[in-house]
Amino acid sequence: MTRSMFFLATSKRIGRAAFRLAAASWSAYASLSAIAVQTMTASLTGAMLLMALACSMYVSGIALGHLGGILR
């Protein structure tokens, strides 16, 4: 095997390994990206539900305070 054939074979092996690594990296990126989007969506939904609960408790407190003032 001559030196140029050795370098050609080596470069092909490196190219295939790089392609496999890039494909694995891309699939990992896609799955992690999907998980991140789902987590962010769940977090935002939870925050909105907690905000709605806090607002309803605030309104209930205001209404009860007003009702207590009327009943005194």
PDB file of N, CA and C in Angstrom:
ATOM      1  N   MET A   1       0.856  -1.171   0.000  1.00  0.00           N
ATOM      2  CA  MET A   1       0.000   0.000   0.000  1.00  0.00           C
ATOM      3  C   MET A   1       0.900   1.232   0.000  1.00  0.00           C
ATOM      4  N   THR A   2       0.692   2.088  -0.944  1.00  0.00           N
ATOM      5  CA  THR A   2       1.504   3.293  -1.014  1.00  0.00           C
ATOM      6  C   THR A   2       0.994   4.313  -0.009  1.00  0.00           C
ATOM      7  N   ARG A   3       1.804   5.330   0.160  1.00  0.00           N
ATOM      8  CA  ARG A   3       1.457   6.361   1.129  1.00  0.00           C
ATOM      9  C   ARG A   3       0.179   7.086   0.737  1.00  0.00           C
ATOM     10  N   SER A   4      -0.008   7.399  -0.533  1.00  0.00           N
ATOM     11  CA  SER A   4      -1.213   8.119  -0.963  1.00  0.00           C
ATOM     12  C   SER A   4      -2.462   7.258  -0.787  1.00  0.00           C
ATOM     13  N   MET A   5      -2.344   5.948  -1.033  1.00  0.00           N
ATOM     14  CA  MET A   5      -3.496   5.062  -0.827  1.00  0.00           C
ATOM     15  C   MET A   5      -3.843   4.986   0.659  1.00  0.00           C
ATOM     16  N   PHE A   6      -2.805   4.959   1.502  1.00  0.00           N
ATOM     17  CA  PHE A   6      -3.039   4.924   2.943  1.00  0.00           C
ATOM     18  C   PHE A   6      -3.772   6.185   3.401  1.00  0.00           C
ATOM     19  N   PHE A   7      -3.318   7.352   2.930  1.00  0.00           N
ATOM     20  CA  PHE A   7      -3.967   8.603   3.309  1.00  0.00           C
ATOM     21  C   PHE A   7      -5.393   8.676   2.778  1.00  0.00           C
ATOM     22  N   LEU A   8      -5.620   8.149   1.578  1.00  0.00           N
ATOM     23  CA  LEU A   8      -6.964   8.139   1.006  1.00  0.00           C
ATOM     24  C   LEU A   8      -7.892   7.255   1.834  1.00  0.00           C
ATOM     25  N   ALA A   9      -7.413   6.064   2.195  1.00  0.00           N
ATOM     26  CA  ALA A   9      -8.232   5.155   3.011  1.00  0.00           C
ATOM     27  C   ALA A   9      -8.492   5.753   4.390  1.00  0.00           C
ATOM     28  N   THR A  10      -7.472   6.374   4.958  1.00  0.00           N
ATOM     29  CA  THR A  10      -7.629   6.994   6.274  1.00  0.00           C
ATOM     30  C   THR A  10      -8.618   8.145   6.223  1.00  0.00           C
ATOM     31  N   SER A  11      -8.521   8.957   5.194  1.00  0.00           N
ATOM     32  CA  SER A  11      -9.444  10.091   5.089  1.00  0.00           C
ATOM     33  C   SER A  11     -10.878   9.622   4.876  1.00  0.00           C
ATOM     34  N   LYS A  12     -11.065   8.524   4.147  1.00  0.00           N
ATOM     35  CA  LYS A  12     -12.417   7.983   3.974  1.00  0.00           C
ATOM     36  C   LYS A  12     -12.970   7.480   5.305  1.00  0.00           C
ATOM     37  N   ARG A  13     -12.127   6.796   6.084  1.00  0.00           N
ATOM     38  CA  ARG A  13     -12.575   6.309   7.401  1.00  0.00           C
ATOM     39  C   ARG A  13     -12.926   7.471   8.317  1.00  0.00           C
ATOM     40  N   ILE A  14     -12.094   8.490   8.300  1.00  0.00           N
ATOM     41  CA  ILE A  14     -12.361   9.671   9.124  1.00  0.00           C
ATOM     42  C   ILE A  14     -13.648  10.350   8.662  1.00  0.00           C
ATOM     43  N   GLY A  15     -13.842  10.420   7.351  1.00  0.00           N
ATOM     44  CA  GLY A  15     -15.068  11.028   6.823  1.00  0.00           C
ATOM     45  C   GLY A  15     -16.310  10.261   7.244  1.00  0.00           C
ATOM     46  N   ARG A  16     -16.256   8.933   7.185  1.00  0.00           N
ATOM     47  CA  ARG A  16     -17.411   8.121   7.612  1.00  0.00           C
ATOM     48  C   ARG A  16     -17.669   8.289   9.105  1.00  0.00           C
ATOM     49  N   ALA A  17     -16.595   8.297   9.897  1.00  0.00           N
ATOM     50  CA  ALA A  17     -16.754   8.469  11.346  1.00  0.00           C
ATOM     51  C   ALA A  17     -17.328   9.846  11.662  1.00  0.00           C
ATOM     52  N   ALA A  18     -16.862  10.858  10.949  1.00  0.00           N
ATOM     53  CA  ALA A  18     -17.382  12.208  11.169  1.00  0.00           C
ATOM     54  C   ALA A  18     -18.853  12.286  10.778  1.00  0.00           C
ATOM     55  N   PHE A  19     -19.218  11.615   9.697  1.00  0.00           N
ATOM     56  CA  PHE A  19     -20.621  11.617   9.274  1.00  0.00           C
ATOM     57  C   PHE A  19     -21.496  10.924  10.317  1.00  0.00           C
ATOM     58  N   ARG A  20     -21.036   9.786  10.841  1.00  0.00           N
ATOM     59  CA  ARG A  20     -21.809   9.071  11.874  1.00  0.00           C
ATOM     60  C   ARG A  20     -21.923   9.915  13.140  1.00  0.00           C
ATOM     61  N   LEU A  21     -20.845  10.576  13.506  1.00  0.00           N
ATOM     62  CA  LEU A  21     -20.868  11.432  14.684  1.00  0.00           C
ATOM     63  C   LEU A  21     -21.822  12.607  14.494  1.00  0.00           C
ATOM     64  N   ALA A  22     -21.812  13.196  13.302  1.00  0.00           N
ATOM     65  CA  ALA A  22     -22.726  14.304  13.024  1.00  0.00           C
ATOM     66  C   ALA A  22     -24.176  13.837  13.044  1.00  0.00           C
ATOM     67  N   ALA A  23     -24.450  12.653  12.506  1.00  0.00           N
ATOM     68  CA  ALA A  23     -25.819  12.127  12.517  1.00  0.00           C
ATOM     69  C   ALA A  23     -26.282  11.856  13.941  1.00  0.00           C
ATOM     70  N   ALA A  24     -25.412  11.276  14.764  1.00  0.00           N
ATOM     71  CA  ALA A  24     -25.774  11.019  16.165  1.00  0.00           C
ATOM     72  C   ALA A  24     -25.976  12.323  16.918  1.00  0.00           C
ATOM     73  N   SER A  25     -25.127  13.294  16.639  1.00  0.00           N
ATOM     74  CA  SER A  25     -25.252  14.593  17.292  1.00  0.00           C
ATOM     75  C   SER A  25     -26.559  15.268  16.904  1.00  0.00           C
ATOM     76  N   TRP A  26     -26.924  15.178  15.629  1.00  0.00           N
ATOM     77  CA  TRP A  26     -28.158  15.802  15.163  1.00  0.00           C
ATOM     78  C   TRP A  26     -29.377  15.139  15.792  1.00  0.00           C
ATOM     79  N   SER A  27     -29.380  13.816  15.904  1.00  0.00           N
ATOM     80  CA  SER A  27     -30.531  13.139  16.504  1.00  0.00           C
ATOM     81  C   SER A  27     -30.621  13.462  17.993  1.00  0.00           C
ATOM     82  N   ALA A  28     -29.483  13.562  18.670  1.00  0.00           N
ATOM     83  CA  ALA A  28     -29.498  13.947  20.085  1.00  0.00           C
ATOM     84  C   ALA A  28     -30.005  15.372  20.239  1.00  0.00           C
ATOM     85  N   TYR A  29     -29.583  16.265  19.342  1.00  0.00           N
ATOM     86  CA  TYR A  29     -30.060  17.648  19.379  1.00  0.00           C
ATOM     87  C   TYR A  29     -31.568  17.699  19.190  1.00  0.00           C
ATOM     88  N   ALA A  30     -32.081  16.922  18.251  1.00  0.00           N
ATOM     89  CA  ALA A  30     -33.518  16.944  17.977  1.00  0.00           C
ATOM     90  C   ALA A  30     -34.314  16.454  19.183  1.00  0.00           C
ATOM     91  N   SER A  31     -33.861  15.387  19.814  1.00  0.00           N
ATOM     92  CA  SER A  31     -34.605  14.868  20.969  1.00  0.00           C
ATOM     93  C   SER A  31     -34.495  15.816  22.158  1.00  0.00           C
ATOM     94  N   LEU A  32     -33.315  16.375  22.407  1.00  0.00           N
ATOM     95  CA  LEU A  32     -33.171  17.319  23.516  1.00  0.00           C
ATOM     96  C   LEU A  32     -33.951  18.599  23.266  1.00  0.00           C
ATOM     97  N   SER A  33     -34.019  19.027  22.020  1.00  0.00           N
ATOM     98  CA  SER A  33     -34.800  20.211  21.685  1.00  0.00           C
ATOM     99  C   SER A  33     -36.280  19.972  21.938  1.00  0.00           C
ATOM    100  N   ALA A  34     -36.770  18.795  21.573  1.00  0.00           N
ATOM    101  CA  ALA A  34     -38.178  18.471  21.816  1.00  0.00           C
ATOM    102  C   ALA A  34     -38.468  18.427  23.311  1.00  0.00           C
ATOM    103  N   ILE A  35     -37.557  17.847  24.085  1.00  0.00           N
ATOM    104  CA  ILE A  35     -37.742  17.794  25.537  1.00  0.00           C
ATOM    105  C   ILE A  35     -37.739  19.202  26.123  1.00  0.00           C
ATOM    106  N   ALA A  36     -36.854  20.060  25.637  1.00  0.00           N
ATOM    107  CA  ALA A  36     -36.785  21.432  26.142  1.00  0.00           C
ATOM    108  C   ALA A  36     -38.068  22.196  25.846  1.00  0.00           C
ATOM    109  N   VAL A  37     -38.612  22.018  24.652  1.00  0.00           N
ATOM    110  CA  VAL A  37     -39.856  22.706  24.294  1.00  0.00           C
ATOM    111  C   VAL A  37     -41.006  22.207  25.162  1.00  0.00           C
ATOM    112  N   GLN A  38     -41.080  20.898  25.385  1.00  0.00           N
ATOM    113  CA  GLN A  38     -42.146  20.355  26.231  1.00  0.00           C
ATOM    114  C   GLN A  38     -42.010  20.845  27.668  1.00  0.00           C
ATOM    115  N   THR A  39     -40.796  20.895  28.181  1.00  0.00           N
ATOM    116  CA  THR A  39     -40.575  21.374  29.543  1.00  0.00           C
ATOM    117  C   THR A  39     -40.944  22.844  29.669  1.00  0.00           C
ATOM    118  N   MET A  40     -40.554  23.640  28.681  1.00  0.00           N
ATOM    119  CA  MET A  40     -40.879  25.059  28.708  1.00  0.00           C
ATOM    120  C   MET A  40     -42.386  25.271  28.645  1.00  0.00           C
ATOM    121  N   THR A  41     -43.070  24.496  27.813  1.00  0.00           N
ATOM    122  CA  THR A  41     -44.521  24.609  27.705  1.00  0.00           C
ATOM    123  C   THR A  41     -45.191  24.251  29.026  1.00  0.00           C
ATOM    124  N   ALA A  42     -44.741  23.176  29.654  1.00  0.00           N
ATOM    125  CA  ALA A  42     -45.311  22.779  30.944  1.00  0.00           C
ATOM    126  C   ALA A  42     -45.040  23.836  32.008  1.00  0.00           C
ATOM    127  N   SER A  43     -43.857  24.416  31.985  1.00  0.00           N
ATOM    128  CA  SER A  43     -43.508  25.444  32.961  1.00  0.00           C
ATOM    129  C   SER A  43     -44.376  26.683  32.784  1.00  0.00           C
ATOM    130  N   LEU A  44     -44.545  27.120  31.546  1.00  0.00           N
ATOM    131  CA  LEU A  44     -45.385  28.294  31.293  1.00  0.00           C
ATOM    132  C   LEU A  44     -46.835  28.026  31.655  1.00  0.00           C
ATOM    133  N   THR A  45     -47.333  26.840  31.350  1.00  0.00           N
ATOM    134  CA  THR A  45     -48.708  26.490  31.696  1.00  0.00           C
ATOM    135  C   THR A  45     -48.886  26.480  33.209  1.00  0.00           C
ATOM    136  N   GLY A  46     -47.934  25.894  33.919  1.00  0.00           N
ATOM    137  CA  GLY A  46     -48.002  25.886  35.381  1.00  0.00           C
ATOM    138  C   GLY A  46     -47.957  27.288  35.960  1.00  0.00           C
ATOM    139  N   ALA A  47     -47.108  28.146  35.403  1.00  0.00           N
ATOM    140  CA  ALA A  47     -47.019  29.523  35.884  1.00  0.00           C
ATOM    141  C   ALA A  47     -48.326  30.272  35.647  1.00  0.00           C
ATOM    142  N   MET A  48     -48.947  30.051  34.498  1.00  0.00           N
ATOM    143  CA  MET A  48     -50.221  30.727  34.220  1.00  0.00           C
ATOM    144  C   MET A  48     -51.321  30.225  35.145  1.00  0.00           C
ATOM    145  N   LEU A  49     -51.329  28.920  35.435  1.00  0.00           N
ATOM    146  CA  LEU A  49     -52.326  28.388  36.368  1.00  0.00           C
ATOM    147  C   LEU A  49     -52.122  28.955  37.775  1.00  0.00           C
ATOM    148  N   LEU A  50     -50.876  29.046  38.210  1.00  0.00           N
ATOM    149  CA  LEU A  50     -50.606  29.632  39.524  1.00  0.00           C
ATOM    150  C   LEU A  50     -50.982  31.107  39.570  1.00  0.00           C
ATOM    151  N   MET A  51     -50.756  31.824  38.486  1.00  0.00           N
ATOM    152  CA  MET A  51     -51.135  33.236  38.437  1.00  0.00           C
ATOM    153  C   MET A  51     -52.650  33.389  38.479  1.00  0.00           C
ATOM    154  N   ALA A  52     -53.365  32.521  37.768  1.00  0.00           N
ATOM    155  CA  ALA A  52     -54.829  32.566  37.806  1.00  0.00           C
ATOM    156  C   ALA A  52     -55.336  32.259  39.213  1.00  0.00           C
ATOM    157  N   LEU A  53     -54.712  31.294  39.885  1.00  0.00           N
ATOM    158  CA  LEU A  53     -55.100  30.966  41.258  1.00  0.00           C
ATOM    159  C   LEU A  53     -54.835  32.146  42.191  1.00  0.00           C
ATOM    160  N   ALA A  54     -53.679  32.784  42.043  1.00  0.00           N
ATOM    161  CA  ALA A  54     -53.347  33.933  42.888  1.00  0.00           C
ATOM    162  C   ALA A  54     -54.318  35.084  42.652  1.00  0.00           C
ATOM    163  N   CYS A  55     -54.663  35.333  41.403  1.00  0.00           N
ATOM    164  CA  CYS A  55     -55.606  36.415  41.096  1.00  0.00           C
ATOM    165  C   CYS A  55     -56.988  36.111  41.661  1.00  0.00           C
ATOM    166  N   SER A  56     -57.428  34.869  41.540  1.00  0.00           N
ATOM    167  CA  SER A  56     -58.751  34.524  42.073  1.00  0.00           C
ATOM    168  C   SER A  56     -58.761  34.608  43.597  1.00  0.00           C
ATOM    169  N   MET A  57     -57.655  34.231  44.244  1.00  0.00           N
ATOM    170  CA  MET A  57     -57.585  34.369  45.701  1.00  0.00           C
ATOM    171  C   MET A  57     -57.566  35.840  46.107  1.00  0.00           C
ATOM    172  N   TYR A  58     -56.896  36.667  45.339  1.00  0.00           N
ATOM    173  CA  TYR A  58     -56.869  38.105  45.620  1.00  0.00           C
ATOM    174  C   TYR A  58     -58.263  38.703  45.494  1.00  0.00           C
ATOM    175  N   VAL A  59     -58.949  38.349  44.419  1.00  0.00           N
ATOM    176  CA  VAL A  59     -60.305  38.861  44.209  1.00  0.00           C
ATOM    177  C   VAL A  59     -61.230  38.357  45.308  1.00  0.00           C
ATOM    178  N   SER A  60     -61.086  37.105  45.702  1.00  0.00           N
ATOM    179  CA  SER A  60     -61.908  36.563  46.792  1.00  0.00           C
ATOM    180  C   SER A  60     -61.623  37.305  48.092  1.00  0.00           C
ATOM    181  N   GLY A  61     -60.364  37.595  48.354  1.00  0.00           N
ATOM    182  CA  GLY A  61     -60.003  38.350  49.559  1.00  0.00           C
ATOM    183  C   GLY A  61     -60.579  39.746  49.548  1.00  0.00           C
ATOM    184  N   ILE A  62     -60.505  40.412  48.408  1.00  0.00           N
ATOM    185  CA  ILE A  62     -61.085  41.755  48.283  1.00  0.00           C
ATOM    186  C   ILE A  62     -62.593  41.691  48.503  1.00  0.00           C
ATOM    187  N   ALA A  63     -63.241  40.707  47.876  1.00  0.00           N
ATOM    188  CA  ALA A  63     -64.699  40.580  48.004  1.00  0.00           C
ATOM    189  C   ALA A  63     -65.094  40.273  49.443  1.00  0.00           C
ATOM    190  N   LEU A  64     -64.358  39.375  50.097  1.00  0.00           N
ATOM    191  CA  LEU A  64     -64.682  39.058  51.489  1.00  0.00           C
ATOM    192  C   LEU A  64     -64.425  40.251  52.406  1.00  0.00           C
ATOM    193  N   GLY A  65     -63.368  40.995  52.137  1.00  0.00           N
ATOM    194  CA  GLY A  65     -63.102  42.206  52.921  1.00  0.00           C
ATOM    195  C   GLY A  65     -64.196  43.238  52.733  1.00  0.00           C
ATOM    196  N   HIS A  66     -64.647  43.385  51.515  1.00  0.00           N
ATOM    197  CA  HIS A  66     -65.730  44.329  51.228  1.00  0.00           C
ATOM    198  C   HIS A  66     -67.024  43.860  51.886  1.00  0.00           C
ATOM    199  N   LEU A  67     -67.300  42.573  51.789  1.00  0.00           N
ATOM    200  CA  LEU A  67     -68.502  42.008  52.395  1.00  0.00           C
ATOM    201  C   LEU A  67     -68.444  42.131  53.917  1.00  0.00           C
ATOM    202  N   GLY A  68     -67.270  41.926  54.495  1.00  0.00           N
ATOM    203  CA  GLY A  68     -67.115  42.086  55.943  1.00  0.00           C
ATOM    204  C   GLY A  68     -67.340  43.522  56.378  1.00  0.00           C
ATOM    205  N   GLY A  69     -66.900  44.467  55.553  1.00  0.00           N
ATOM    206  CA  GLY A  69     -67.136  45.878  55.867  1.00  0.00           C
ATOM    207  C   GLY A  69     -68.605  46.237  55.782  1.00  0.00           C
ATOM    208  N   ILE A  70     -69.317  45.626  54.855  1.00  0.00           N
ATOM    209  CA  ILE A  70     -70.748  45.899  54.710  1.00  0.00           C
ATOM    210  C   ILE A  70     -71.521  45.304  55.881  1.00  0.00           C
ATOM    211  N   LEU A  71     -71.125  44.122  56.328  1.00  0.00           N
ATOM    212  CA  LEU A  71     -71.870  43.432  57.377  1.00  0.00           C
ATOM    213  C   LEU A  71     -71.622  44.014  58.768  1.00  0.00           C
ATOM    214  N   ARG A  72     -70.577  44.808  58.954  1.00  0.00           N
ATOM    215  CA  ARG A  72     -70.303  45.382  60.284  1.00  0.00           C
ATOM    216  C   ARG A  72     -71.234  46.473  60.640  1.00  0.00           C
TER     217      ARG A  72
END
